[in-house]
N, C-alpha and C. Protein backbone atom coordinates (compact mmCIF):
# COMPACT_ATOMS: atom_id res chain seq x y z
N MET A 1 -9.22 22.54 -11.12
CA MET A 1 -9.19 21.08 -11.14
C MET A 1 -8.78 20.62 -12.54
N THR A 2 -7.83 19.69 -12.61
CA THR A 2 -7.36 19.22 -13.90
C THR A 2 -8.29 18.15 -14.45
N GLU A 3 -8.30 18.05 -15.75
CA GLU A 3 -9.13 17.06 -16.41
C GLU A 3 -8.53 15.66 -16.23
N ALA A 4 -9.41 14.68 -16.05
CA ALA A 4 -8.95 13.31 -15.84
C ALA A 4 -8.20 12.81 -17.08
N VAL A 5 -7.17 12.01 -16.83
CA VAL A 5 -6.38 11.43 -17.91
C VAL A 5 -6.97 10.06 -18.26
N HIS A 6 -7.19 9.83 -19.55
CA HIS A 6 -7.76 8.56 -20.01
C HIS A 6 -6.81 7.91 -21.01
N TYR A 7 -6.67 6.59 -20.91
CA TYR A 7 -5.93 5.80 -21.89
C TYR A 7 -6.86 4.70 -22.37
N ASN A 8 -6.84 4.41 -23.68
CA ASN A 8 -7.59 3.24 -24.12
C ASN A 8 -6.78 2.00 -23.76
N MET A 9 -7.41 0.85 -23.85
CA MET A 9 -6.80 -0.40 -23.39
C MET A 9 -5.45 -0.65 -24.08
N HIS A 10 -5.39 -0.48 -25.39
CA HIS A 10 -4.15 -0.73 -26.13
C HIS A 10 -3.04 0.22 -25.67
N ASP A 11 -3.36 1.51 -25.57
CA ASP A 11 -2.35 2.48 -25.15
C ASP A 11 -1.90 2.22 -23.70
N ALA A 12 -2.82 1.77 -22.86
CA ALA A 12 -2.46 1.48 -21.47
C ALA A 12 -1.45 0.35 -21.41
N LYS A 13 -1.64 -0.68 -22.23
CA LYS A 13 -0.67 -1.79 -22.25
C LYS A 13 0.67 -1.32 -22.79
N THR A 14 0.62 -0.48 -23.80
CA THR A 14 1.84 -0.01 -24.44
C THR A 14 2.62 0.95 -23.55
N HIS A 15 1.91 1.76 -22.77
CA HIS A 15 2.55 2.84 -22.01
C HIS A 15 2.37 2.68 -20.50
N LEU A 16 2.39 1.45 -20.02
CA LEU A 16 2.17 1.21 -18.59
C LEU A 16 3.17 1.97 -17.73
N SER A 17 4.44 1.97 -18.09
CA SER A 17 5.42 2.66 -17.24
C SER A 17 5.14 4.17 -17.19
N ARG A 18 4.69 4.75 -18.28
CA ARG A 18 4.34 6.18 -18.31
C ARG A 18 3.13 6.44 -17.39
N ILE A 19 2.16 5.52 -17.43
CA ILE A 19 0.99 5.66 -16.56
C ILE A 19 1.40 5.60 -15.10
N ILE A 20 2.26 4.64 -14.77
CA ILE A 20 2.71 4.50 -13.38
C ILE A 20 3.46 5.76 -12.92
N GLU A 21 4.27 6.33 -13.79
CA GLU A 21 4.98 7.57 -13.44
C GLU A 21 3.98 8.68 -13.10
N ARG A 22 2.93 8.79 -13.90
CA ARG A 22 1.93 9.83 -13.66
C ARG A 22 1.23 9.58 -12.32
N VAL A 23 0.90 8.31 -12.05
CA VAL A 23 0.22 7.97 -10.81
C VAL A 23 1.14 8.24 -9.62
N GLU A 24 2.42 7.90 -9.74
CA GLU A 24 3.37 8.20 -8.66
C GLU A 24 3.46 9.69 -8.40
N GLY A 25 3.19 10.48 -9.43
CA GLY A 25 3.18 11.93 -9.28
C GLY A 25 1.89 12.47 -8.69
N GLY A 26 0.95 11.58 -8.36
CA GLY A 26 -0.27 12.00 -7.70
C GLY A 26 -1.51 12.02 -8.58
N GLU A 27 -1.36 11.75 -9.87
CA GLU A 27 -2.52 11.76 -10.77
C GLU A 27 -3.32 10.47 -10.67
N GLU A 28 -4.59 10.55 -11.05
CA GLU A 28 -5.42 9.38 -11.22
C GLU A 28 -5.61 9.19 -12.72
N VAL A 29 -5.48 7.95 -13.18
CA VAL A 29 -5.56 7.64 -14.60
C VAL A 29 -6.68 6.63 -14.83
N PHE A 30 -7.52 6.91 -15.83
CA PHE A 30 -8.60 6.00 -16.18
C PHE A 30 -8.21 5.17 -17.39
N ILE A 31 -8.60 3.89 -17.36
CA ILE A 31 -8.39 2.99 -18.50
C ILE A 31 -9.76 2.74 -19.11
N ASP A 32 -9.87 2.99 -20.41
CA ASP A 32 -11.15 2.86 -21.12
C ASP A 32 -11.15 1.66 -22.05
N ARG A 33 -12.32 1.06 -22.20
CA ARG A 33 -12.53 0.02 -23.21
C ARG A 33 -13.69 0.50 -24.08
N ALA A 34 -13.42 0.64 -25.35
CA ALA A 34 -14.43 1.12 -26.31
C ALA A 34 -15.03 2.45 -25.85
N GLY A 35 -14.18 3.32 -25.30
CA GLY A 35 -14.62 4.65 -24.91
C GLY A 35 -15.30 4.75 -23.56
N THR A 36 -15.43 3.62 -22.87
CA THR A 36 -16.07 3.61 -21.56
C THR A 36 -15.04 3.30 -20.48
N PRO A 37 -14.93 4.16 -19.47
CA PRO A 37 -13.97 3.88 -18.38
C PRO A 37 -14.32 2.58 -17.67
N VAL A 38 -13.29 1.72 -17.50
CA VAL A 38 -13.49 0.44 -16.82
C VAL A 38 -12.57 0.26 -15.62
N ALA A 39 -11.55 1.11 -15.49
CA ALA A 39 -10.62 1.00 -14.36
C ALA A 39 -10.04 2.37 -14.05
N LYS A 40 -9.66 2.54 -12.78
CA LYS A 40 -9.00 3.77 -12.36
C LYS A 40 -7.73 3.37 -11.63
N VAL A 41 -6.60 3.92 -12.05
CA VAL A 41 -5.31 3.67 -11.40
C VAL A 41 -5.03 4.87 -10.52
N VAL A 42 -4.86 4.61 -9.22
CA VAL A 42 -4.67 5.69 -8.25
C VAL A 42 -3.42 5.42 -7.43
N PRO A 43 -2.81 6.48 -6.89
CA PRO A 43 -1.63 6.26 -6.06
C PRO A 43 -2.01 5.60 -4.75
N LEU A 44 -1.13 4.73 -4.26
CA LEU A 44 -1.31 4.14 -2.94
C LEU A 44 -0.95 5.18 -1.90
N VAL A 45 -1.70 5.19 -0.83
CA VAL A 45 -1.42 6.13 0.25
C VAL A 45 -0.67 5.38 1.33
N ARG A 46 0.55 5.80 1.56
CA ARG A 46 1.34 5.19 2.63
C ARG A 46 0.90 5.80 3.95
N ARG A 47 0.60 4.95 4.91
CA ARG A 47 0.11 5.43 6.19
C ARG A 47 1.23 6.05 7.02
N VAL A 48 2.38 5.40 7.02
CA VAL A 48 3.49 5.87 7.85
C VAL A 48 4.78 5.67 7.08
N ASN A 49 5.63 6.65 7.11
CA ASN A 49 6.94 6.50 6.49
C ASN A 49 7.87 5.89 7.53
N ARG A 50 8.21 4.61 7.34
CA ARG A 50 9.04 3.92 8.32
C ARG A 50 10.42 3.63 7.74
N THR A 51 10.97 4.56 7.04
CA THR A 51 12.27 4.33 6.43
C THR A 51 13.42 4.70 7.37
N ALA A 52 13.12 5.44 8.42
CA ALA A 52 14.19 5.89 9.31
C ALA A 52 14.22 5.06 10.58
N ILE A 53 15.41 4.84 11.09
CA ILE A 53 15.57 4.16 12.37
C ILE A 53 14.93 5.03 13.44
N GLY A 54 14.13 4.40 14.29
CA GLY A 54 13.48 5.13 15.36
C GLY A 54 12.16 5.75 14.97
N SER A 55 11.61 5.40 13.81
CA SER A 55 10.36 6.02 13.36
C SER A 55 9.17 5.62 14.23
N LEU A 56 9.30 4.56 15.02
CA LEU A 56 8.23 4.16 15.94
C LEU A 56 8.52 4.57 17.37
N SER A 57 9.54 5.38 17.56
CA SER A 57 9.93 5.81 18.89
C SER A 57 8.76 6.45 19.63
N GLY A 58 8.52 5.97 20.86
CA GLY A 58 7.45 6.51 21.67
C GLY A 58 6.07 5.98 21.33
N GLN A 59 5.95 5.11 20.32
CA GLN A 59 4.66 4.61 19.90
C GLN A 59 4.42 3.16 20.34
N LEU A 60 5.44 2.52 20.89
CA LEU A 60 5.32 1.14 21.32
C LEU A 60 5.43 1.07 22.84
N ASP A 61 4.61 0.21 23.41
CA ASP A 61 4.67 -0.02 24.85
C ASP A 61 5.12 -1.45 25.07
N LEU A 62 6.36 -1.64 25.45
CA LEU A 62 6.88 -2.97 25.75
C LEU A 62 6.90 -3.12 27.25
N SER A 63 5.77 -3.55 27.80
CA SER A 63 5.66 -3.74 29.24
C SER A 63 6.67 -4.79 29.69
N GLY A 64 6.87 -4.87 30.98
CA GLY A 64 7.87 -5.77 31.54
C GLY A 64 7.68 -7.23 31.16
N ASP A 65 6.44 -7.65 30.87
CA ASP A 65 6.20 -9.07 30.57
C ASP A 65 6.06 -9.33 29.07
N TRP A 66 6.53 -8.44 28.23
CA TRP A 66 6.33 -8.59 26.79
C TRP A 66 7.00 -9.84 26.24
N ASP A 67 8.02 -10.35 26.88
CA ASP A 67 8.72 -11.54 26.39
C ASP A 67 8.63 -12.69 27.39
N SER A 68 7.55 -12.72 28.15
CA SER A 68 7.40 -13.78 29.15
C SER A 68 6.99 -15.08 28.46
N PRO A 69 7.25 -16.23 29.11
CA PRO A 69 6.83 -17.51 28.54
C PRO A 69 5.32 -17.56 28.26
N HIS A 70 4.53 -16.98 29.16
CA HIS A 70 3.07 -16.97 28.97
C HIS A 70 2.69 -16.19 27.69
N THR A 71 3.26 -15.00 27.53
CA THR A 71 2.98 -14.19 26.33
C THR A 71 3.41 -14.92 25.07
N ASN A 72 4.59 -15.54 25.11
CA ASN A 72 5.07 -16.28 23.95
C ASN A 72 4.15 -17.44 23.59
N GLU A 73 3.62 -18.14 24.61
CA GLU A 73 2.69 -19.23 24.37
C GLU A 73 1.40 -18.72 23.73
N GLU A 74 0.91 -17.58 24.20
CA GLU A 74 -0.31 -17.01 23.63
C GLU A 74 -0.11 -16.64 22.16
N ILE A 75 1.01 -16.03 21.86
CA ILE A 75 1.30 -15.63 20.47
C ILE A 75 1.45 -16.86 19.60
N ALA A 76 2.18 -17.86 20.08
CA ALA A 76 2.34 -19.10 19.31
C ALA A 76 0.98 -19.75 19.06
N GLY A 77 0.12 -19.75 20.07
CA GLY A 77 -1.20 -20.31 19.91
C GLY A 77 -2.02 -19.56 18.87
N ASP A 78 -1.86 -18.25 18.82
CA ASP A 78 -2.57 -17.44 17.81
C ASP A 78 -2.17 -17.84 16.39
N PHE A 79 -0.93 -18.30 16.23
CA PHE A 79 -0.44 -18.71 14.92
C PHE A 79 -0.54 -20.21 14.69
N GLY A 80 -1.14 -20.91 15.64
CA GLY A 80 -1.34 -22.36 15.48
C GLY A 80 -0.08 -23.18 15.64
N ILE A 81 0.85 -22.68 16.41
CA ILE A 81 2.09 -23.43 16.66
C ILE A 81 2.29 -23.55 18.16
N SER A 82 3.08 -24.50 18.56
CA SER A 82 3.36 -24.62 19.99
C SER A 82 4.72 -24.02 20.29
N ALA A 83 4.78 -23.34 21.41
CA ALA A 83 6.03 -22.66 21.78
C ALA A 83 7.02 -23.64 22.34
């Protein structure tokens, strides 16, 4: 297990892009104030990679009435608008 990376507040402001690069590489970075950790920068976990066409293939069920006037009215009502 690697040792946690710590930056003091001044260095974190000065080297933000370097910190982000490390986090994008999977590291967790702590930001310290007066030697005490006050924040942790962690990578975001993407749930699904949807960059490719067809990435939802087989995961959606568009029943025959998916675009019916009734369904459209229900959706519009959910958003507070009239269809």
